Amino acid sequence: MLAAILETDDAERLYMGLSLLVSAAAAGEKARALVGFGALTALFDPPPPRHVIEAEREPFRATLSALRDTALATCDVKACAAAAQATGVSRLATISTPQFLEETAGARLVFV
C-alpha cells in the first residue's frame, strides 16, 4: 500500500503526489491519501505553477485536474478532519490523522 500525506499548496508538488498515487493504483496497489490544510484548497483550486513556462501552464492545469480526478476515482482520498473544519472545504470525506496512520500502518508513506 502507498499512503500519501498531501499538505503542500504548491501545484507542482501536488502534481507529483497525485502522480505517485495514480501510478500506484494503476499498478494494482492500494493507494490512500490524507489531504491536509495547504493541499485541501489547492486540490480543487490550484495556484499557478511557479516553474512551468507560460505556454505550458494550461496543459499543466489540465493534466493536474485529470490526475486529481483519477486519484479521486481510483484511490482512497480523504481530508484531514481538522483541515476540513478549519478551511471550510467539505468536498471530501474526512478522517483524523491518527486514524489514517493507524489504517495505513506498514504502508510506504510519502509526505508531499
PDB file of N, CA and C in Angstrom:
ATOM      1  N   MET A   1       0.849  -1.176   0.000  1.00  0.00           N
ATOM      2  CA  MET A   1       0.000   0.000   0.000  1.00  0.00           C
ATOM      3  C   MET A   1       0.895   1.241   0.000  1.00  0.00           C
ATOM      4  N   LEU A   2       0.458   2.241  -0.755  1.00  0.00           N
ATOM      5  CA  LEU A   2       1.098   3.551  -0.726  1.00  0.00           C
ATOM      6  C   LEU A   2       0.172   4.497   0.027  1.00  0.00           C
ATOM      7  N   ALA A   3       0.711   5.149   1.035  1.00  0.00           N
ATOM      8  CA  ALA A   3      -0.046   6.143   1.795  1.00  0.00           C
ATOM      9  C   ALA A   3       0.649   7.484   1.615  1.00  0.00           C
ATOM     10  N   ALA A   4      -0.100   8.469   1.159  1.00  0.00           N
ATOM     11  CA  ALA A   4       0.471   9.794   0.929  1.00  0.00           C
ATOM     12  C   ALA A   4      -0.238  10.817   1.796  1.00  0.00           C
ATOM     13  N   ILE A   5       0.551  11.652   2.434  1.00  0.00           N
ATOM     14  CA  ILE A   5       0.008  12.803   3.139  1.00  0.00           C
ATOM     15  C   ILE A   5       0.299  14.001   2.253  1.00  0.00           C
ATOM     16  N   LEU A   6      -0.753  14.590   1.722  1.00  0.00           N
ATOM     17  CA  LEU A   6      -0.626  15.741   0.835  1.00  0.00           C
ATOM     18  C   LEU A   6      -0.897  17.000   1.646  1.00  0.00           C
ATOM     19  N   GLU A   7       0.121  17.808   1.833  1.00  0.00           N
ATOM     20  CA  GLU A   7      -0.012  19.026   2.628  1.00  0.00           C
ATOM     21  C   GLU A   7       0.281  20.280   1.814  1.00  0.00           C
ATOM     22  N   THR A   8       1.037  20.144   0.754  1.00  0.00           N
ATOM     23  CA  THR A   8       1.505  21.305   0.017  1.00  0.00           C
ATOM     24  C   THR A   8       0.392  22.025  -0.739  1.00  0.00           C
ATOM     25  N   ASP A   9       0.558  23.334  -0.859  1.00  0.00           N
ATOM     26  CA  ASP A   9      -0.342  24.087  -1.731  1.00  0.00           C
ATOM     27  C   ASP A   9       0.378  24.462  -3.026  1.00  0.00           C
ATOM     28  N   ASP A  10       1.564  23.912  -3.233  1.00  0.00           N
ATOM     29  CA  ASP A  10       2.345  24.128  -4.443  1.00  0.00           C
ATOM     30  C   ASP A  10       1.825  23.189  -5.538  1.00  0.00           C
ATOM     31  N   ALA A  11       1.411  23.746  -6.657  1.00  0.00           N
ATOM     32  CA  ALA A  11       0.786  22.953  -7.721  1.00  0.00           C
ATOM     33  C   ALA A  11       1.703  21.859  -8.249  1.00  0.00           C
ATOM     34  N   GLU A  12       2.996  22.154  -8.385  1.00  0.00           N
ATOM     35  CA  GLU A  12       3.916  21.151  -8.926  1.00  0.00           C
ATOM     36  C   GLU A  12       4.141  20.001  -7.949  1.00  0.00           C
ATOM     37  N   ARG A  13       4.241  20.305  -6.686  1.00  0.00           N
ATOM     38  CA  ARG A  13       4.395  19.240  -5.689  1.00  0.00           C
ATOM     39  C   ARG A  13       3.111  18.414  -5.586  1.00  0.00           C
ATOM     40  N   LEU A  14       1.985  19.083  -5.645  1.00  0.00           N
ATOM     41  CA  LEU A  14       0.710  18.377  -5.623  1.00  0.00           C
ATOM     42  C   LEU A  14       0.599  17.439  -6.825  1.00  0.00           C
ATOM     43  N   TYR A  15       1.035  17.911  -7.989  1.00  0.00           N
ATOM     44  CA  TYR A  15       1.070  17.095  -9.209  1.00  0.00           C
ATOM     45  C   TYR A  15       1.874  15.818  -8.955  1.00  0.00           C
ATOM     46  N   MET A  16       3.055  15.970  -8.348  1.00  0.00           N
ATOM     47  CA  MET A  16       3.907  14.811  -8.088  1.00  0.00           C
ATOM     48  C   MET A  16       3.247  13.844  -7.117  1.00  0.00           C
ATOM     49  N   GLY A  17       2.650  14.363  -6.055  1.00  0.00           N
ATOM     50  CA  GLY A  17       1.977  13.490  -5.099  1.00  0.00           C
ATOM     51  C   GLY A  17       0.820  12.730  -5.722  1.00  0.00           C
ATOM     52  N   LEU A  18       0.017  13.423  -6.516  1.00  0.00           N
ATOM     53  CA  LEU A  18      -1.099  12.759  -7.199  1.00  0.00           C
ATOM     54  C   LEU A  18      -0.589  11.741  -8.204  1.00  0.00           C
ATOM     55  N   SER A  19       0.499  12.065  -8.883  1.00  0.00           N
ATOM     56  CA  SER A  19       1.086  11.142  -9.851  1.00  0.00           C
ATOM     57  C   SER A  19       1.540   9.852  -9.168  1.00  0.00           C
ATOM     58  N   LEU A  20       2.142   9.973  -7.992  1.00  0.00           N
ATOM     59  CA  LEU A  20       2.548   8.785  -7.240  1.00  0.00           C
ATOM     60  C   LEU A  20       1.339   7.928  -6.880  1.00  0.00           C
ATOM     61  N   LEU A  21       0.286   8.558  -6.391  1.00  0.00           N
ATOM     62  CA  LEU A  21      -0.926   7.821  -6.019  1.00  0.00           C
ATOM     63  C   LEU A  21      -1.547   7.113  -7.211  1.00  0.00           C
ATOM     64  N   VAL A  22      -1.706   7.841  -8.308  1.00  0.00           N
ATOM     65  CA  VAL A  22      -2.341   7.280  -9.503  1.00  0.00           C
ATOM     66  C   VAL A  22      -1.486   6.156 -10.084  1.00  0.00           C
ATOM     67  N   SER A  23      -0.171   6.324 -10.082  1.00  0.00           N
ATOM     68  CA  SER A  23       0.718   5.280 -10.596  1.00  0.00           C
ATOM     69  C   SER A  23       0.615   4.014  -9.755  1.00  0.00           C
ATOM     70  N   ALA A  24       0.573   4.168  -8.441  1.00  0.00           N
ATOM     71  CA  ALA A  24       0.431   3.007  -7.561  1.00  0.00           C
ATOM     72  C   ALA A  24      -0.892   2.295  -7.814  1.00  0.00           C
ATOM     73  N   ALA A  25      -1.966   3.056  -7.916  1.00  0.00           N
ATOM     74  CA  ALA A  25      -3.281   2.455  -8.165  1.00  0.00           C
ATOM     75  C   ALA A  25      -3.312   1.756  -9.522  1.00  0.00           C
ATOM     76  N   ALA A  26      -2.696   2.360 -10.530  1.00  0.00           N
ATOM     77  CA  ALA A  26      -2.668   1.753 -11.866  1.00  0.00           C
ATOM     78  C   ALA A  26      -1.891   0.440 -11.867  1.00  0.00           C
ATOM     79  N   ALA A  27      -0.927   0.315 -10.956  1.00  0.00           N
ATOM     80  CA  ALA A  27      -0.139  -0.913 -10.846  1.00  0.00           C
ATOM     81  C   ALA A  27      -0.840  -1.960  -9.978  1.00  0.00           C
ATOM     82  N   GLY A  28      -2.052  -1.655  -9.525  1.00  0.00           N
ATOM     83  CA  GLY A  28      -2.817  -2.601  -8.732  1.00  0.00           C
ATOM     84  C   GLY A  28      -2.570  -2.510  -7.234  1.00  0.00           C
ATOM     85  N   GLU A  29      -1.852  -1.502  -6.811  1.00  0.00           N
ATOM     86  CA  GLU A  29      -1.547  -1.316  -5.398  1.00  0.00           C
ATOM     87  C   GLU A  29      -2.615  -0.434  -4.751  1.00  0.00           C
ATOM     88  N   LYS A  30      -2.951  -0.726  -3.508  1.00  0.00           N
ATOM     89  CA  LYS A  30      -3.856   0.167  -2.783  1.00  0.00           C
ATOM     90  C   LYS A  30      -3.145   1.495  -2.586  1.00  0.00           C
ATOM     91  N   ALA A  31      -3.876   2.572  -2.763  1.00  0.00           N
ATOM     92  CA  ALA A  31      -3.301   3.907  -2.593  1.00  0.00           C
ATOM     93  C   ALA A  31      -4.275   4.758  -1.794  1.00  0.00           C
ATOM     94  N   ARG A  32      -3.757   5.358  -0.733  1.00  0.00           N
ATOM     95  CA  ARG A  32      -4.586   6.192   0.132  1.00  0.00           C
ATOM     96  C   ARG A  32      -3.909   7.530   0.332  1.00  0.00           C
ATOM     97  N   ALA A  33      -4.717   8.568   0.487  1.00  0.00           N
ATOM     98  CA  ALA A  33      -4.174   9.906   0.708  1.00  0.00           C
ATOM     99  C   ALA A  33      -4.931  10.609   1.819  1.00  0.00           C
ATOM    100  N   LEU A  34      -4.175  11.354   2.606  1.00  0.00           N
ATOM    101  CA  LEU A  34      -4.713  12.257   3.613  1.00  0.00           C
ATOM    102  C   LEU A  34      -4.383  13.658   3.131  1.00  0.00           C
ATOM    103  N   VAL A  35      -5.400  14.458   2.883  1.00  0.00           N
ATOM    104  CA  VAL A  35      -5.209  15.798   2.338  1.00  0.00           C
ATOM    105  C   VAL A  35      -5.274  16.802   3.484  1.00  0.00           C
ATOM    106  N   GLY A  36      -4.168  17.522   3.681  1.00  0.00           N
ATOM    107  CA  GLY A  36      -4.051  18.471   4.777  1.00  0.00           C
ATOM    108  C   GLY A  36      -4.402  19.891   4.383  1.00  0.00           C
ATOM    109  N   PHE A  37      -4.124  20.804   5.279  1.00  0.00           N
ATOM    110  CA  PHE A  37      -4.530  22.208   5.163  1.00  0.00           C
ATOM    111  C   PHE A  37      -4.183  22.830   3.816  1.00  0.00           C
ATOM    112  N   GLY A  38      -2.908  22.859   3.459  1.00  0.00           N
ATOM    113  CA  GLY A  38      -2.489  23.521   2.223  1.00  0.00           C
ATOM    114  C   GLY A  38      -3.043  22.858   0.983  1.00  0.00           C
ATOM    115  N   ALA A  39      -2.977  21.545   0.944  1.00  0.00           N
ATOM    116  CA  ALA A  39      -3.401  20.819  -0.251  1.00  0.00           C
ATOM    117  C   ALA A  39      -4.915  20.801  -0.420  1.00  0.00           C
ATOM    118  N   LEU A  40      -5.643  20.948   0.654  1.00  0.00           N
ATOM    119  CA  LEU A  40      -7.100  20.837   0.572  1.00  0.00           C
ATOM    120  C   LEU A  40      -7.698  21.900  -0.340  1.00  0.00           C
ATOM    121  N   THR A  41      -7.242  23.111  -0.211  1.00  0.00           N
ATOM    122  CA  THR A  41      -7.720  24.171  -1.094  1.00  0.00           C
ATOM    123  C   THR A  41      -7.109  24.034  -2.481  1.00  0.00           C
ATOM    124  N   ALA A  42      -5.800  23.769  -2.530  1.00  0.00           N
ATOM    125  CA  ALA A  42      -5.089  23.681  -3.813  1.00  0.00           C
ATOM    126  C   ALA A  42      -5.572  22.514  -4.670  1.00  0.00           C
ATOM    127  N   LEU A  43      -6.076  21.469  -4.058  1.00  0.00           N
ATOM    128  CA  LEU A  43      -6.545  20.309  -4.814  1.00  0.00           C
ATOM    129  C   LEU A  43      -7.675  20.689  -5.763  1.00  0.00           C
ATOM    130  N   PHE A  44      -8.537  21.588  -5.335  1.00  0.00           N
ATOM    131  CA  PHE A  44      -9.689  21.972  -6.151  1.00  0.00           C
ATOM    132  C   PHE A  44      -9.534  23.338  -6.818  1.00  0.00           C
ATOM    133  N   ASP A  45      -8.583  24.124  -6.360  1.00  0.00           N
ATOM    134  CA  ASP A  45      -8.326  25.444  -6.952  1.00  0.00           C
ATOM    135  C   ASP A  45      -6.821  25.705  -6.911  1.00  0.00           C
ATOM    136  N   PRO A  46      -6.067  24.995  -7.762  1.00  0.00           N
ATOM    137  CA  PRO A  46      -4.605  25.089  -7.681  1.00  0.00           C
ATOM    138  C   PRO A  46      -4.080  26.464  -8.078  1.00  0.00           C
ATOM    139  N   PRO A  47      -3.029  26.898  -7.393  1.00  0.00           N
ATOM    140  CA  PRO A  47      -2.397  28.162  -7.762  1.00  0.00           C
ATOM    141  C   PRO A  47      -1.608  27.983  -9.059  1.00  0.00           C
ATOM    142  N   PRO A  48      -1.216  29.062  -9.701  1.00  0.00           N
ATOM    143  CA  PRO A  48      -0.396  28.936 -10.909  1.00  0.00           C
ATOM    144  C   PRO A  48       0.926  28.236 -10.578  1.00  0.00           C
ATOM    145  N   PRO A  49       1.359  27.334 -11.427  1.00  0.00           N
ATOM    146  CA  PRO A  49       2.634  26.656 -11.178  1.00  0.00           C
ATOM    147  C   PRO A  49       3.798  27.633 -11.345  1.00  0.00           C
ATOM    148  N   ARG A  50       4.733  27.600 -10.412  1.00  0.00           N
ATOM    149  CA  ARG A  50       5.839  28.558 -10.423  1.00  0.00           C
ATOM    150  C   ARG A  50       6.930  28.218 -11.429  1.00  0.00           C
ATOM    151  N   HIS A  51       7.150  26.958 -11.718  1.00  0.00           N
ATOM    152  CA  HIS A  51       8.273  26.551 -12.556  1.00  0.00           C
ATOM    153  C   HIS A  51       7.866  26.143 -13.964  1.00  0.00           C
ATOM    154  N   VAL A  52       6.628  26.316 -14.305  1.00  0.00           N
ATOM    155  CA  VAL A  52       6.127  25.932 -15.629  1.00  0.00           C
ATOM    156  C   VAL A  52       6.047  27.188 -16.493  1.00  0.00           C
ATOM    157  N   ILE A  53       6.613  27.101 -17.698  1.00  0.00           N
ATOM    158  CA  ILE A  53       6.596  28.267 -18.582  1.00  0.00           C
ATOM    159  C   ILE A  53       5.168  28.595 -19.000  1.00  0.00           C
ATOM    160  N   GLU A  54       4.948  29.834 -19.339  1.00  0.00           N
ATOM    161  CA  GLU A  54       3.599  30.330 -19.656  1.00  0.00           C
ATOM    162  C   GLU A  54       2.893  29.463 -20.696  1.00  0.00           C
ATOM    163  N   ALA A  55       3.601  29.087 -21.750  1.00  0.00           N
ATOM    164  CA  ALA A  55       2.989  28.307 -22.834  1.00  0.00           C
ATOM    165  C   ALA A  55       2.515  26.929 -22.379  1.00  0.00           C
ATOM    166  N   GLU A  56       3.060  26.427 -21.282  1.00  0.00           N
ATOM    167  CA  GLU A  56       2.711  25.087 -20.797  1.00  0.00           C
ATOM    168  C   GLU A  56       1.771  25.106 -19.593  1.00  0.00           C
ATOM    169  N   ARG A  57       1.381  26.287 -19.142  1.00  0.00           N
ATOM    170  CA  ARG A  57       0.560  26.356 -17.927  1.00  0.00           C
ATOM    171  C   ARG A  57      -0.826  25.749 -18.105  1.00  0.00           C
ATOM    172  N   GLU A  58      -1.474  26.007 -19.216  1.00  0.00           N
ATOM    173  CA  GLU A  58      -2.812  25.436 -19.417  1.00  0.00           C
ATOM    174  C   GLU A  58      -2.756  23.914 -19.557  1.00  0.00           C
ATOM    175  N   PRO A  59      -1.829  23.351 -20.356  1.00  0.00           N
ATOM    176  CA  PRO A  59      -1.714  21.886 -20.382  1.00  0.00           C
ATOM    177  C   PRO A  59      -1.388  21.310 -18.999  1.00  0.00           C
ATOM    178  N   PHE A  60      -0.557  22.005 -18.244  1.00  0.00           N
ATOM    179  CA  PHE A  60      -0.230  21.550 -16.893  1.00  0.00           C
ATOM    180  C   PHE A  60      -1.489  21.514 -16.031  1.00  0.00           C
ATOM    181  N   ARG A  61      -2.268  22.585 -16.062  1.00  0.00           N
ATOM    182  CA  ARG A  61      -3.515  22.635 -15.272  1.00  0.00           C
ATOM    183  C   ARG A  61      -4.466  21.504 -15.668  1.00  0.00           C
ATOM    184  N   ALA A  62      -4.572  21.256 -16.971  1.00  0.00           N
ATOM    185  CA  ALA A  62      -5.459  20.188 -17.446  1.00  0.00           C
ATOM    186  C   ALA A  62      -4.988  18.826 -16.941  1.00  0.00           C
ATOM    187  N   THR A  63      -3.689  18.600 -16.988  1.00  0.00           N
ATOM    188  CA  THR A  63      -3.151  17.327 -16.515  1.00  0.00           C
ATOM    189  C   THR A  63      -3.310  17.199 -15.008  1.00  0.00           C
ATOM    190  N   LEU A  64      -3.090  18.282 -14.284  1.00  0.00           N
ATOM    191  CA  LEU A  64      -3.275  18.262 -12.834  1.00  0.00           C
ATOM    192  C   LEU A  64      -4.728  17.941 -12.481  1.00  0.00           C
ATOM    193  N   SER A  65      -5.662  18.524 -13.197  1.00  0.00           N
ATOM    194  CA  SER A  65      -7.086  18.226 -12.968  1.00  0.00           C
ATOM    195  C   SER A  65      -7.392  16.767 -13.273  1.00  0.00           C
ATOM    196  N   ALA A  66      -6.808  16.244 -14.349  1.00  0.00           N
ATOM    197  CA  ALA A  66      -7.021  14.839 -14.708  1.00  0.00           C
ATOM    198  C   ALA A  66      -6.425  13.917 -13.647  1.00  0.00           C
ATOM    199  N   LEU A  67      -5.243  14.247 -13.151  1.00  0.00           N
ATOM    200  CA  LEU A  67      -4.636  13.451 -12.079  1.00  0.00           C
ATOM    201  C   LEU A  67      -5.513  13.474 -10.831  1.00  0.00           C
ATOM    202  N   ARG A  68      -6.015  14.651 -10.477  1.00  0.00           N
ATOM    203  CA  ARG A  68      -6.897  14.769  -9.308  1.00  0.00           C
ATOM    204  C   ARG A  68      -8.135  13.895  -9.491  1.00  0.00           C
ATOM    205  N   ASP A  69      -8.777  14.006 -10.646  1.00  0.00           N
ATOM    206  CA  ASP A  69      -9.995  13.235 -10.889  1.00  0.00           C
ATOM    207  C   ASP A  69      -9.720  11.736 -10.887  1.00  0.00           C
ATOM    208  N   THR A  70      -8.591  11.332 -11.454  1.00  0.00           N
ATOM    209  CA  THR A  70      -8.223   9.917 -11.471  1.00  0.00           C
ATOM    210  C   THR A  70      -7.924   9.428 -10.061  1.00  0.00           C
ATOM    211  N   ALA A  71      -7.214  10.230  -9.280  1.00  0.00           N
ATOM    212  CA  ALA A  71      -6.927   9.848  -7.896  1.00  0.00           C
ATOM    213  C   ALA A  71      -8.217   9.712  -7.089  1.00  0.00           C
ATOM    214  N   LEU A  72      -9.131  10.642  -7.278  1.00  0.00           N
ATOM    215  CA  LEU A  72     -10.405  10.565  -6.554  1.00  0.00           C
ATOM    216  C   LEU A  72     -11.201   9.327  -6.952  1.00  0.00           C
ATOM    217  N   ALA A  73     -11.041   8.884  -8.201  1.00  0.00           N
ATOM    218  CA  ALA A  73     -11.781   7.716  -8.691  1.00  0.00           C
ATOM    219  C   ALA A  73     -11.110   6.393  -8.336  1.00  0.00           C
ATOM    220  N   THR A  74      -9.784   6.377  -8.205  1.00  0.00           N
ATOM    221  CA  THR A  74      -9.076   5.102  -8.054  1.00  0.00           C
ATOM    222  C   THR A  74      -8.387   4.918  -6.709  1.00  0.00           C
ATOM    223  N   CYS A  75      -8.296   5.954  -5.929  1.00  0.00           N
ATOM    224  CA  CYS A  75      -7.598   5.900  -4.642  1.00  0.00           C
ATOM    225  C   CYS A  75      -8.564   6.297  -3.525  1.00  0.00           C
ATOM    226  N   ASP A  76      -8.196   5.963  -2.315  1.00  0.00           N
ATOM    227  CA  ASP A  76      -8.980   6.371  -1.150  1.00  0.00           C
ATOM    228  C   ASP A  76      -8.415   7.707  -0.667  1.00  0.00           C
ATOM    229  N   VAL A  77      -9.059   8.797  -1.059  1.00  0.00           N
ATOM    230  CA  VAL A  77      -8.582  10.146  -0.750  1.00  0.00           C
ATOM    231  C   VAL A  77      -9.531  10.784   0.261  1.00  0.00           C
ATOM    232  N   LYS A  78      -8.977  11.138   1.413  1.00  0.00           N
ATOM    233  CA  LYS A  78      -9.794  11.765   2.453  1.00  0.00           C
ATOM    234  C   LYS A  78      -9.105  13.014   2.968  1.00  0.00           C
ATOM    235  N   ALA A  79      -9.909  13.950   3.419  1.00  0.00           N
ATOM    236  CA  ALA A  79      -9.385  15.178   4.010  1.00  0.00           C
ATOM    237  C   ALA A  79      -9.090  14.955   5.479  1.00  0.00           C
ATOM    238  N   CYS A  80      -8.054  15.608   5.953  1.00  0.00           N
ATOM    239  CA  CYS A  80      -7.798  15.671   7.386  1.00  0.00           C
ATOM    240  C   CYS A  80      -9.008  16.368   8.012  1.00  0.00           C
ATOM    241  N   ALA A  81      -9.591  15.758   9.015  1.00  0.00           N
ATOM    242  CA  ALA A  81     -10.807  16.312   9.616  1.00  0.00           C
ATOM    243  C   ALA A  81     -10.585  17.732  10.134  1.00  0.00           C
ATOM    244  N   ALA A  82      -9.461  17.974  10.787  1.00  0.00           N
ATOM    245  CA  ALA A  82      -9.180  19.315  11.312  1.00  0.00           C
ATOM    246  C   ALA A  82      -9.015  20.320  10.179  1.00  0.00           C
ATOM    247  N   ALA A  83      -8.361  19.909   9.092  1.00  0.00           N
ATOM    248  CA  ALA A  83      -8.159  20.808   7.951  1.00  0.00           C
ATOM    249  C   ALA A  83      -9.485  21.150   7.284  1.00  0.00           C
ATOM    250  N   ALA A  84     -10.337  20.161   7.126  1.00  0.00           N
ATOM    251  CA  ALA A  84     -11.641  20.407   6.500  1.00  0.00           C
ATOM    252  C   ALA A  84     -12.463  21.382   7.339  1.00  0.00           C
ATOM    253  N   GLN A  85     -12.429  21.193   8.650  1.00  0.00           N
ATOM    254  CA  GLN A  85     -13.177  22.092   9.530  1.00  0.00           C
ATOM    255  C   GLN A  85     -12.594  23.504   9.491  1.00  0.00           C
ATOM    256  N   ALA A  86     -11.279  23.618   9.558  1.00  0.00           N
ATOM    257  CA  ALA A  86     -10.635  24.936   9.622  1.00  0.00           C
ATOM    258  C   ALA A  86     -10.742  25.714   8.318  1.00  0.00           C
ATOM    259  N   THR A  87     -10.701  25.010   7.191  1.00  0.00           N
ATOM    260  CA  THR A  87     -10.735  25.693   5.894  1.00  0.00           C
ATOM    261  C   THR A  87     -12.141  25.836   5.335  1.00  0.00           C
ATOM    262  N   GLY A  88     -13.071  25.055   5.853  1.00  0.00           N
ATOM    263  CA  GLY A  88     -14.433  25.093   5.330  1.00  0.00           C
ATOM    264  C   GLY A  88     -14.597  24.328   4.031  1.00  0.00           C
ATOM    265  N   VAL A  89     -13.563  23.601   3.620  1.00  0.00           N
ATOM    266  CA  VAL A  89     -13.639  22.802   2.391  1.00  0.00           C
ATOM    267  C   VAL A  89     -14.233  21.449   2.751  1.00  0.00           C
ATOM    268  N   SER A  90     -15.389  21.135   2.176  1.00  0.00           N
ATOM    269  CA  SER A  90     -16.091  19.907   2.560  1.00  0.00           C
ATOM    270  C   SER A  90     -16.387  19.013   1.363  1.00  0.00           C
ATOM    271  N   ARG A  91     -15.493  18.999   0.382  1.00  0.00           N
ATOM    272  CA  ARG A  91     -15.734  18.212  -0.825  1.00  0.00           C
ATOM    273  C   ARG A  91     -15.265  16.768  -0.707  1.00  0.00           C
ATOM    274  N   LEU A  92     -14.609  16.426   0.390  1.00  0.00           N
ATOM    275  CA  LEU A  92     -14.099  15.070   0.585  1.00  0.00           C
ATOM    276  C   LEU A  92     -14.604  14.513   1.912  1.00  0.00           C
ATOM    277  N   ALA A  93     -14.662  13.191   2.001  1.00  0.00           N
ATOM    278  CA  ALA A  93     -14.897  12.553   3.291  1.00  0.00           C
ATOM    279  C   ALA A  93     -13.703  12.887   4.181  1.00  0.00           C
ATOM    280  N   THR A  94     -13.888  12.824   5.483  1.00  0.00           N
ATOM    281  CA  THR A  94     -12.813  13.198   6.401  1.00  0.00           C
ATOM    282  C   THR A  94     -12.358  12.019   7.253  1.00  0.00           C
ATOM    283  N   ILE A  95     -11.138  12.161   7.767  1.00  0.00           N
ATOM    284  CA  ILE A  95     -10.557  11.181   8.680  1.00  0.00           C
ATOM    285  C   ILE A  95      -9.553  11.924   9.555  1.00  0.00           C
ATOM    286  N   SER A  96      -9.386  11.477  10.774  1.00  0.00           N
ATOM    287  CA  SER A  96      -8.372  12.099  11.634  1.00  0.00           C
ATOM    288  C   SER A  96      -6.995  11.571  11.236  1.00  0.00           C
ATOM    289  N   THR A  97      -5.982  12.359  11.513  1.00  0.00           N
ATOM    290  CA  THR A  97      -4.620  11.922  11.203  1.00  0.00           C
ATOM    291  C   THR A  97      -4.256  10.644  11.958  1.00  0.00           C
ATOM    292  N   PRO A  98      -4.544  10.541  13.269  1.00  0.00           N
ATOM    293  CA  PRO A  98      -4.217   9.289  13.956  1.00  0.00           C
ATOM    294  C   PRO A  98      -4.925   8.073  13.344  1.00  0.00           C
ATOM    295  N   GLN A  99      -6.173   8.235  12.944  1.00  0.00           N
ATOM    296  CA  GLN A  99      -6.904   7.125  12.330  1.00  0.00           C
ATOM    297  C   GLN A  99      -6.286   6.751  10.986  1.00  0.00           C
ATOM    298  N   PHE A 100      -5.919   7.751  10.182  1.00  0.00           N
ATOM    299  CA  PHE A 100      -5.274   7.486   8.893  1.00  0.00           C
ATOM    300  C   PHE A 100      -3.978   6.701   9.100  1.00  0.00           C
ATOM    301  N   LEU A 101      -3.162   7.141  10.053  1.00  0.00           N
ATOM    302  CA  LEU A 101      -1.895   6.452  10.312  1.00  0.00           C
ATOM    303  C   LEU A 101      -2.119   5.035  10.818  1.00  0.00           C
ATOM    304  N   GLU A 102      -3.134   4.850  11.636  1.00  0.00           N
ATOM    305  CA  GLU A 102      -3.450   3.503  12.127  1.00  0.00           C
ATOM    306  C   GLU A 102      -3.880   2.600  10.973  1.00  0.00           C
ATOM    307  N   GLU A 103      -4.733   3.115  10.101  1.00  0.00           N
ATOM    308  CA  GLU A 103      -5.252   2.312   8.990  1.00  0.00           C
ATOM    309  C   GLU A 103      -4.212   2.040   7.909  1.00  0.00           C
ATOM    310  N   THR A 104      -3.162   2.847   7.853  1.00  0.00           N
ATOM    311  CA  THR A 104      -2.132   2.660   6.826  1.00  0.00           C
ATOM    312  C   THR A 104      -0.814   2.157   7.415  1.00  0.00           C
ATOM    313  N   ALA A 105      -0.845   1.683   8.653  1.00  0.00           N
ATOM    314  CA  ALA A 105       0.372   1.173   9.291  1.00  0.00           C
ATOM    315  C   ALA A 105       1.018   0.113   8.404  1.00  0.00           C
ATOM    316  N   GLY A 106       2.314   0.231   8.214  1.00  0.00           N
ATOM    317  CA  GLY A 106       3.045  -0.719   7.382  1.00  0.00           C
ATOM    318  C   GLY A 106       3.131  -0.324   5.921  1.00  0.00           C
ATOM    319  N   ALA A 107       2.382   0.684   5.524  1.00  0.00           N
ATOM    320  CA  ALA A 107       2.411   1.138   4.126  1.00  0.00           C
ATOM    321  C   ALA A 107       3.662   1.975   3.877  1.00  0.00           C
ATOM    322  N   ARG A 108       4.022   2.106   2.604  1.00  0.00           N
ATOM    323  CA  ARG A 108       5.048   3.080   2.235  1.00  0.00           C
ATOM    324  C   ARG A 108       4.410   4.452   2.409  1.00  0.00           C
ATOM    325  N   LEU A 109       5.047   5.311   3.176  1.00  0.00           N
ATOM    326  CA  LEU A 109       4.473   6.616   3.490  1.00  0.00           C
ATOM    327  C   LEU A 109       5.246   7.710   2.773  1.00  0.00           C
ATOM    328  N   VAL A 110       4.504   8.564   2.068  1.00  0.00           N
ATOM    329  CA  VAL A 110       5.080   9.691   1.343  1.00  0.00           C
ATOM    330  C   VAL A 110       4.441  10.959   1.887  1.00  0.00           C
ATOM    331  N   PHE A 111       5.267  11.962   2.151  1.00  0.00           N
ATOM    332  CA  PHE A 111       4.755  13.256   2.618  1.00  0.00           C
ATOM    333  C   PHE A 111       5.088  14.302   1.569  1.00  0.00           C
ATOM    334  N   VAL A 112       4.052  14.925   1.024  1.00  0.00           N
ATOM    335  CA  VAL A 112       4.246  15.937  -0.021  1.00  0.00           C
ATOM    336  C   VAL A 112       3.648  17.242   0.467  1.00  0.00           C
TER     337      VAL A 112
END
